[in-house]
Amino acid sequence: MRYINTFEEGLQVKDIYLCKKCNRAQTKTGNPYMNVILQDKSGTVDAKIWEPDSPGIGEFEELEYIWVMGEVTVYNGKNQVTIRQARRAAVDEFDPADYMPTSARMTDDMLAQLRSYIESVRADYMKKLLNHFFVEDKEFCRAFCNHSAAKSVHHGFIGGLLEHTLSVTGICDYYAQNYSFLDRDLLLTAAICHDIGKVRELSPFPKNDYTDEGQLLGHIMIGAEMVRDAIREIDDFPEIKANELLHCILSHHGQLEFGSPKKPAIAEALALSFADNTDAKLETIREALAKDPSLKWQGFNRYIDSNIRRTSMDASDMG
């Protein structure tokens, strides 16, 4: 199949894609048309059906796989597909693995690494908490490993939540090794638990969109409640450590304007917010650069708040 990230102006499209979203609308002159978002594992693209009631357009709904025929145009600097024909795809015409963005890393390997960090935690009550989520609760662990870390900004793919959590934990472990005054057990436990609320904030693939609970509460509040509920089942969990852990989770976005209900007040909370921001920003720029390897300047990225440029390579790097 022709993946969306390889689309270019003038390309004739005849293939099957996931209909991520679709809705009917009207032009300024009152003519009906359809907005459609097509998805495969490489990304999404906006599409339009300007004659939705024509014989070539069959019935289909959101989150169905559809065969489309059309051509790629460019609108406001972005690719857009004008769909001439469309129909539901038969189940034997596609492989769902082609349509779900997935981490390049092996899930089992990442989970094993995360569990090795859990084993390195010395405080028994912290380890009990972590084992509750990532060893004993099979359903939660399965959902966590197959979840994204975001709808679109960074790690917005299957396995993204696990990949992001493992990266943040590794950065926090580095901090603990280099700044001896940090409570490593507290910091690593907070790192591993900081985004667990995202399993309820976002729906699983293929939808990968905000749930009602996610919209109303957000993953920071949801995650803090999940951790608080689990702590209540651990008899010997010190109250002060429970509050410090919850504080780290509640403040991990660093600033009130970024969604944290509290700003970091202890060193471990500050370290976690740095680690979370570092991994999120670097993954954001990595994904942006990967979209078009031929471009040097990528244009303004609102999440990085800068016009992104690809780093130049010297002769030794180019072999």
Protein backbone atom coordinates (compact mmCIF):
# COMPACT_ATOMS: atom_id res chain seq x y z
CA MET A 1 0.00 0.00 0.00
CA ARG A 2 1.01 3.64 -0.38
CA TYR A 3 1.50 5.12 3.08
CA ILE A 4 0.19 8.57 3.88
CA ASN A 5 3.59 9.99 4.82
CA THR A 6 4.73 9.41 1.22
CA PHE A 7 1.84 11.37 -0.35
CA GLU A 8 2.78 14.20 -2.69
CA GLU A 9 0.80 16.64 -4.80
CA GLY A 10 -0.72 15.04 -7.89
CA LEU A 11 -0.54 11.46 -6.61
CA GLN A 12 -3.46 9.26 -7.69
CA VAL A 13 -4.68 7.29 -4.67
CA LYS A 14 -6.31 3.86 -4.97
CA ASP A 15 -6.01 2.08 -1.65
CA ILE A 16 -7.59 1.21 1.69
CA TYR A 17 -7.31 3.45 4.75
CA LEU A 18 -8.93 3.73 8.15
CA CYS A 19 -11.64 6.39 8.28
CA LYS A 20 -10.51 8.12 11.47
CA LYS A 21 -13.29 10.72 11.34
CA CYS A 22 -16.04 11.76 8.94
CA ASN A 23 -18.88 14.25 9.00
CA ARG A 24 -21.19 16.01 6.58
CA ALA A 25 -21.01 19.76 6.09
CA GLN A 26 -22.12 22.46 3.68
CA THR A 27 -20.20 24.90 1.54
CA LYS A 28 -20.94 28.62 1.75
CA THR A 29 -23.33 28.17 -1.19
CA GLY A 30 -25.22 25.38 0.61
CA ASN A 31 -23.81 22.42 -1.30
CA PRO A 32 -23.23 19.27 0.79
CA TYR A 33 -19.75 17.75 1.19
CA MET A 34 -17.94 15.42 3.60
CA ASN A 35 -14.91 16.01 5.78
CA VAL A 36 -12.90 12.80 6.18
CA ILE A 37 -9.65 12.03 7.99
CA LEU A 38 -7.80 9.00 6.62
CA GLN A 39 -5.26 7.15 8.74
CA ASP A 40 -2.59 4.51 8.38
CA LYS A 41 0.35 3.68 10.65
CA SER A 42 2.42 6.51 9.14
CA GLY A 43 -0.05 9.25 10.02
CA THR A 44 -3.27 10.97 8.96
CA VAL A 45 -4.40 13.16 6.09
CA ASP A 46 -7.39 15.43 5.60
CA ALA A 47 -9.74 14.43 2.76
CA LYS A 48 -12.85 15.88 1.13
CA ILE A 49 -15.76 14.32 -0.74
CA TRP A 50 -17.26 17.16 -2.71
CA GLU A 51 -20.10 15.04 -4.17
CA PRO A 52 -21.13 12.75 -1.28
CA ASP A 53 -24.38 11.67 -2.94
CA SER A 54 -22.78 10.53 -6.20
CA PRO A 55 -23.08 6.82 -7.21
CA GLY A 56 -19.36 6.28 -6.59
CA ILE A 57 -19.62 7.05 -2.87
CA GLY A 58 -20.85 4.11 -0.81
CA GLU A 59 -21.95 4.13 2.82
CA PHE A 60 -19.29 4.02 5.55
CA GLU A 61 -18.81 5.29 9.08
CA GLU A 62 -16.03 6.45 11.38
CA LEU A 63 -13.47 3.82 12.40
CA GLU A 64 -14.29 1.64 9.38
CA TYR A 65 -11.74 0.66 6.76
CA ILE A 66 -12.58 2.15 3.38
CA TRP A 67 -11.26 1.82 -0.15
CA VAL A 68 -10.83 5.23 -1.73
CA MET A 69 -9.92 6.55 -5.15
CA GLY A 70 -8.86 10.15 -5.58
CA GLU A 71 -5.92 12.48 -5.91
CA VAL A 72 -3.63 14.40 -3.57
CA THR A 73 -3.76 18.19 -3.65
CA VAL A 74 -2.14 20.78 -1.41
CA TYR A 75 -4.25 23.19 0.65
CA ASN A 76 -2.73 25.74 3.04
CA GLY A 77 0.62 24.01 2.68
CA LYS A 78 -0.70 20.56 3.68
CA ASN A 79 -1.65 17.49 1.70
CA GLN A 80 -5.35 16.91 1.15
CA VAL A 81 -7.09 14.08 -0.70
CA THR A 82 -10.02 14.74 -2.99
CA ILE A 83 -12.02 11.49 -2.89
CA ARG A 84 -13.90 10.55 -6.08
CA GLN A 85 -14.97 7.05 -5.06
CA ALA A 86 -15.22 5.30 -1.69
CA ARG A 87 -16.65 2.11 -0.22
CA ARG A 88 -16.35 -0.12 2.84
CA ALA A 89 -13.45 -2.53 2.56
CA ALA A 90 -14.01 -6.27 2.96
CA VAL A 91 -12.32 -7.87 5.99
CA ASP A 92 -9.96 -9.88 3.78
CA GLU A 93 -8.74 -6.79 1.89
CA PHE A 94 -6.56 -5.25 4.62
CA ASP A 95 -4.27 -5.97 7.56
CA PRO A 96 -5.13 -3.82 10.64
CA ALA A 97 -1.42 -3.68 11.51
CA ASP A 98 -0.92 -1.35 8.52
CA TYR A 99 -3.23 1.26 10.06
CA MET A 100 -2.24 1.53 13.70
CA PRO A 101 0.87 3.60 14.50
CA THR A 102 3.07 1.44 16.72
CA SER A 103 6.26 1.91 18.71
CA ALA A 104 9.40 0.77 16.91
CA ARG A 105 10.48 -0.93 20.14
CA MET A 106 9.32 -4.36 21.31
CA THR A 107 6.64 -4.18 24.00
CA ASP A 108 7.93 -7.21 25.91
CA ASP A 109 11.44 -5.75 26.06
CA MET A 110 10.21 -2.38 27.30
CA LEU A 111 7.99 -3.96 29.95
CA ALA A 112 10.90 -6.13 31.12
CA GLN A 113 13.06 -3.01 31.48
CA LEU A 114 10.34 -1.20 33.40
CA ARG A 115 9.95 -4.16 35.74
CA SER A 116 13.71 -4.20 36.30
CA TYR A 117 13.45 -0.62 37.56
CA ILE A 118 10.61 -1.75 39.84
CA GLU A 119 12.80 -4.52 41.23
CA SER A 120 15.52 -1.97 42.00
CA VAL A 121 13.19 0.02 44.27
CA ARG A 122 14.22 -0.71 47.87
CA ALA A 123 11.25 0.59 49.86
CA ASP A 124 8.89 -2.36 50.20
CA TYR A 125 5.73 -0.22 50.25
CA MET A 126 6.75 1.55 47.02
CA LYS A 127 7.50 -1.77 45.35
CA LYS A 128 4.10 -3.15 46.46
CA LEU A 129 2.41 -0.17 44.81
CA LEU A 130 4.31 -0.62 41.54
CA ASN A 131 3.76 -4.37 41.48
CA HIS A 132 0.04 -3.78 41.99
CA PHE A 133 -0.18 -1.92 38.68
CA PHE A 134 2.53 -3.51 36.56
CA VAL A 135 2.61 -7.14 37.72
CA GLU A 136 -0.58 -8.14 39.55
CA ASP A 137 -3.21 -6.18 37.60
CA LYS A 138 -2.96 -7.98 34.26
CA GLU A 139 -5.80 -6.01 32.66
CA PHE A 140 -4.29 -2.64 33.56
CA CYS A 141 -0.81 -3.69 32.49
CA ARG A 142 -2.11 -4.90 29.11
CA ALA A 143 -3.98 -1.64 28.55
CA PHE A 144 -0.95 0.42 29.62
CA CYS A 145 1.39 -1.40 27.24
CA ASN A 146 -0.96 -0.92 24.26
CA HIS A 147 -1.85 2.70 24.96
CA SER A 148 -0.60 5.95 23.48
CA ALA A 149 0.91 8.72 25.58
CA ALA A 150 -1.01 11.43 23.73
CA LYS A 151 -3.61 12.00 21.07
CA SER A 152 -1.10 13.59 18.69
CA VAL A 153 1.66 15.68 20.30
CA HIS A 154 4.22 13.00 21.24
CA HIS A 155 4.23 9.21 21.53
CA GLY A 156 0.77 9.12 19.93
CA PHE A 157 1.05 5.47 18.95
CA ILE A 158 0.46 1.98 20.35
CA GLY A 159 3.13 1.38 22.98
CA GLY A 160 3.79 5.11 23.25
CA LEU A 161 2.74 5.34 26.90
CA LEU A 162 5.08 2.52 27.88
CA GLU A 163 7.93 3.96 25.77
CA HIS A 164 7.52 7.44 27.27
CA THR A 165 7.26 6.11 30.83
CA LEU A 166 10.38 3.98 30.40
CA SER A 167 12.31 6.94 29.00
CA VAL A 168 11.21 9.28 31.81
CA THR A 169 12.14 6.62 34.38
CA GLY A 170 15.59 6.21 32.83
CA ILE A 171 16.19 9.97 32.95
CA CYS A 172 15.06 10.06 36.59
CA ASP A 173 17.39 7.17 37.41
CA TYR A 174 20.23 9.20 35.89
CA TYR A 175 19.26 12.19 38.03
CA ALA A 176 19.25 10.04 41.17
CA GLN A 177 22.73 8.74 40.38
CA ASN A 178 24.12 12.24 39.88
CA TYR A 179 22.26 14.07 42.65
CA SER A 180 22.64 11.97 45.78
CA PHE A 181 20.18 14.05 47.85
CA LEU A 182 17.29 12.80 45.71
CA ASP A 183 15.10 10.01 47.13
CA ARG A 184 15.54 7.48 44.31
CA ASP A 185 12.68 5.23 45.44
CA LEU A 186 10.26 8.16 45.49
CA LEU A 187 11.51 9.58 42.19
CA LEU A 188 11.38 6.29 40.26
CA THR A 189 7.98 5.38 41.67
CA ALA A 190 6.65 8.79 40.65
CA ALA A 191 8.21 8.44 37.18
CA ILE A 192 6.64 5.03 36.60
CA CYS A 193 3.22 6.18 37.85
CA HIS A 194 3.14 9.76 36.56
CA ASP A 195 1.03 9.08 33.44
CA ILE A 196 -1.02 6.03 34.44
CA GLY A 197 -4.16 8.16 34.27
CA LYS A 198 -3.81 8.25 30.49
CA VAL A 199 -5.26 4.74 30.22
CA ARG A 200 -8.57 6.37 31.19
CA GLU A 201 -8.02 9.85 29.77
CA LEU A 202 -7.65 8.51 26.22
CA SER A 203 -9.61 5.75 24.51
CA PRO A 204 -7.63 2.86 23.00
CA PHE A 205 -6.83 2.59 19.31
CA PRO A 206 -8.18 2.91 16.71
CA LYS A 207 -10.11 5.83 18.23
CA ASN A 208 -7.34 7.22 20.47
CA ASP A 209 -9.40 10.23 21.52
CA TYR A 210 -10.32 11.89 24.80
CA THR A 211 -12.94 10.14 26.93
CA ASP A 212 -15.56 12.05 28.89
CA GLU A 213 -13.58 11.34 32.06
CA GLY A 214 -10.42 12.56 30.36
CA GLN A 215 -12.04 15.79 29.23
CA LEU A 216 -13.59 16.49 32.62
CA LEU A 217 -10.73 15.46 34.93
CA GLY A 218 -7.53 14.98 32.91
CA HIS A 219 -4.88 12.31 33.36
CA ILE A 220 -3.09 14.06 36.24
CA MET A 221 -6.15 13.99 38.51
CA ILE A 222 -7.18 10.52 37.32
CA GLY A 223 -3.69 9.12 37.90
CA ALA A 224 -3.43 10.66 41.38
CA GLU A 225 -6.78 9.08 42.31
CA MET A 226 -5.66 5.68 40.97
CA VAL A 227 -2.46 5.86 43.04
CA ARG A 228 -4.32 7.05 46.15
CA ASP A 229 -6.79 4.17 45.86
CA ALA A 230 -3.96 1.64 45.52
CA ILE A 231 -2.06 3.13 48.48
CA ARG A 232 -5.10 2.65 50.71
CA GLU A 233 -4.74 -1.10 50.21
CA ILE A 234 -1.11 -1.09 51.46
CA ASP A 235 -1.14 -1.12 55.26
CA ASP A 236 2.40 0.06 55.88
CA PHE A 237 2.56 2.91 53.38
CA PRO A 238 3.79 6.02 55.29
CA GLU A 239 1.39 8.94 55.00
CA ILE A 240 4.17 11.46 54.35
CA LYS A 241 5.57 9.37 51.48
CA ALA A 242 2.08 8.94 50.06
CA ASN A 243 1.63 12.71 50.04
CA GLU A 244 5.07 13.29 48.50
CA LEU A 245 4.36 10.74 45.77
CA LEU A 246 0.96 12.24 45.01
CA HIS A 247 2.54 15.70 44.94
CA CYS A 248 5.05 14.52 42.32
CA ILE A 249 2.22 13.21 40.13
CA LEU A 250 0.07 16.33 40.59
CA SER A 251 2.94 18.69 39.72
CA HIS A 252 4.69 16.77 36.93
CA HIS A 253 3.73 19.27 34.22
CA GLY A 254 5.74 21.82 36.15
CA GLN A 255 3.54 24.89 35.75
CA LEU A 256 -0.08 25.67 36.54
CA GLU A 257 -0.64 26.91 32.98
CA PHE A 258 0.49 23.53 31.65
CA GLY A 259 -2.22 21.68 33.57
CA SER A 260 -0.57 20.86 36.88
CA PRO A 261 -2.80 21.65 39.88
CA LYS A 262 0.38 22.18 41.93
CA LYS A 263 3.87 23.48 41.14
CA PRO A 264 6.81 21.30 42.23
CA ALA A 265 7.65 21.91 45.89
CA ILE A 266 10.14 19.09 46.51
CA ALA A 267 13.30 18.17 44.60
CA GLU A 268 11.90 14.88 43.29
CA ALA A 269 8.84 16.62 41.85
CA LEU A 270 11.08 19.14 40.09
CA ALA A 271 13.29 16.36 38.72
CA LEU A 272 10.24 14.46 37.43
CA SER A 273 8.86 17.55 35.69
CA PHE A 274 12.24 18.11 33.99
CA ALA A 275 12.43 14.47 32.85
CA ASP A 276 8.85 14.46 31.56
CA ASN A 277 9.35 17.70 29.65
CA THR A 278 12.69 16.55 28.21
CA ASP A 279 11.31 13.32 26.80
CA ALA A 280 8.10 14.90 25.52
CA LYS A 281 9.92 17.76 23.73
CA LEU A 282 12.66 15.60 22.20
CA GLU A 283 10.13 13.04 20.98
CA THR A 284 8.02 15.87 19.55
CA ILE A 285 10.95 17.18 17.54
CA ARG A 286 12.00 13.66 16.51
CA GLU A 287 8.54 12.95 15.12
CA ALA A 288 8.44 16.33 13.36
CA LEU A 289 11.79 15.70 11.66
CA ALA A 290 10.75 12.20 10.62
CA LYS A 291 7.77 13.44 8.60
CA ASP A 292 9.89 14.70 5.70
CA PRO A 293 13.59 13.69 5.82
CA SER A 294 14.30 15.85 2.76
CA LEU A 295 13.44 19.14 4.48
CA LYS A 296 16.07 21.15 6.37
CA TRP A 297 13.71 23.77 7.84
CA GLN A 298 10.48 22.23 9.12
CA GLY A 299 8.54 25.42 9.80
CA PHE A 300 7.10 26.69 13.08
CA ASN A 301 6.14 24.02 15.60
CA ARG A 302 3.75 25.38 18.23
CA TYR A 303 4.68 22.70 20.79
CA ILE A 304 8.38 23.52 20.55
CA ASP A 305 7.52 27.21 20.01
CA SER A 306 10.19 27.56 17.35
CA ASN A 307 10.93 27.13 13.66
CA ILE A 308 12.59 23.71 13.63
CA ARG A 309 15.75 23.04 11.61
CA ARG A 310 17.36 19.68 10.93
CA THR A 311 20.90 19.45 12.32
CA SER A 312 23.58 19.46 9.61
CA MET A 313 25.78 16.39 9.16
CA ASP A 314 29.53 16.53 8.64
CA ALA A 315 31.44 14.24 6.27
CA SER A 316 32.18 11.62 8.92
CA ASP A 317 28.48 11.32 9.80
CA MET A 318 27.57 10.79 6.15
CA GLY A 319 30.10 7.99 5.71
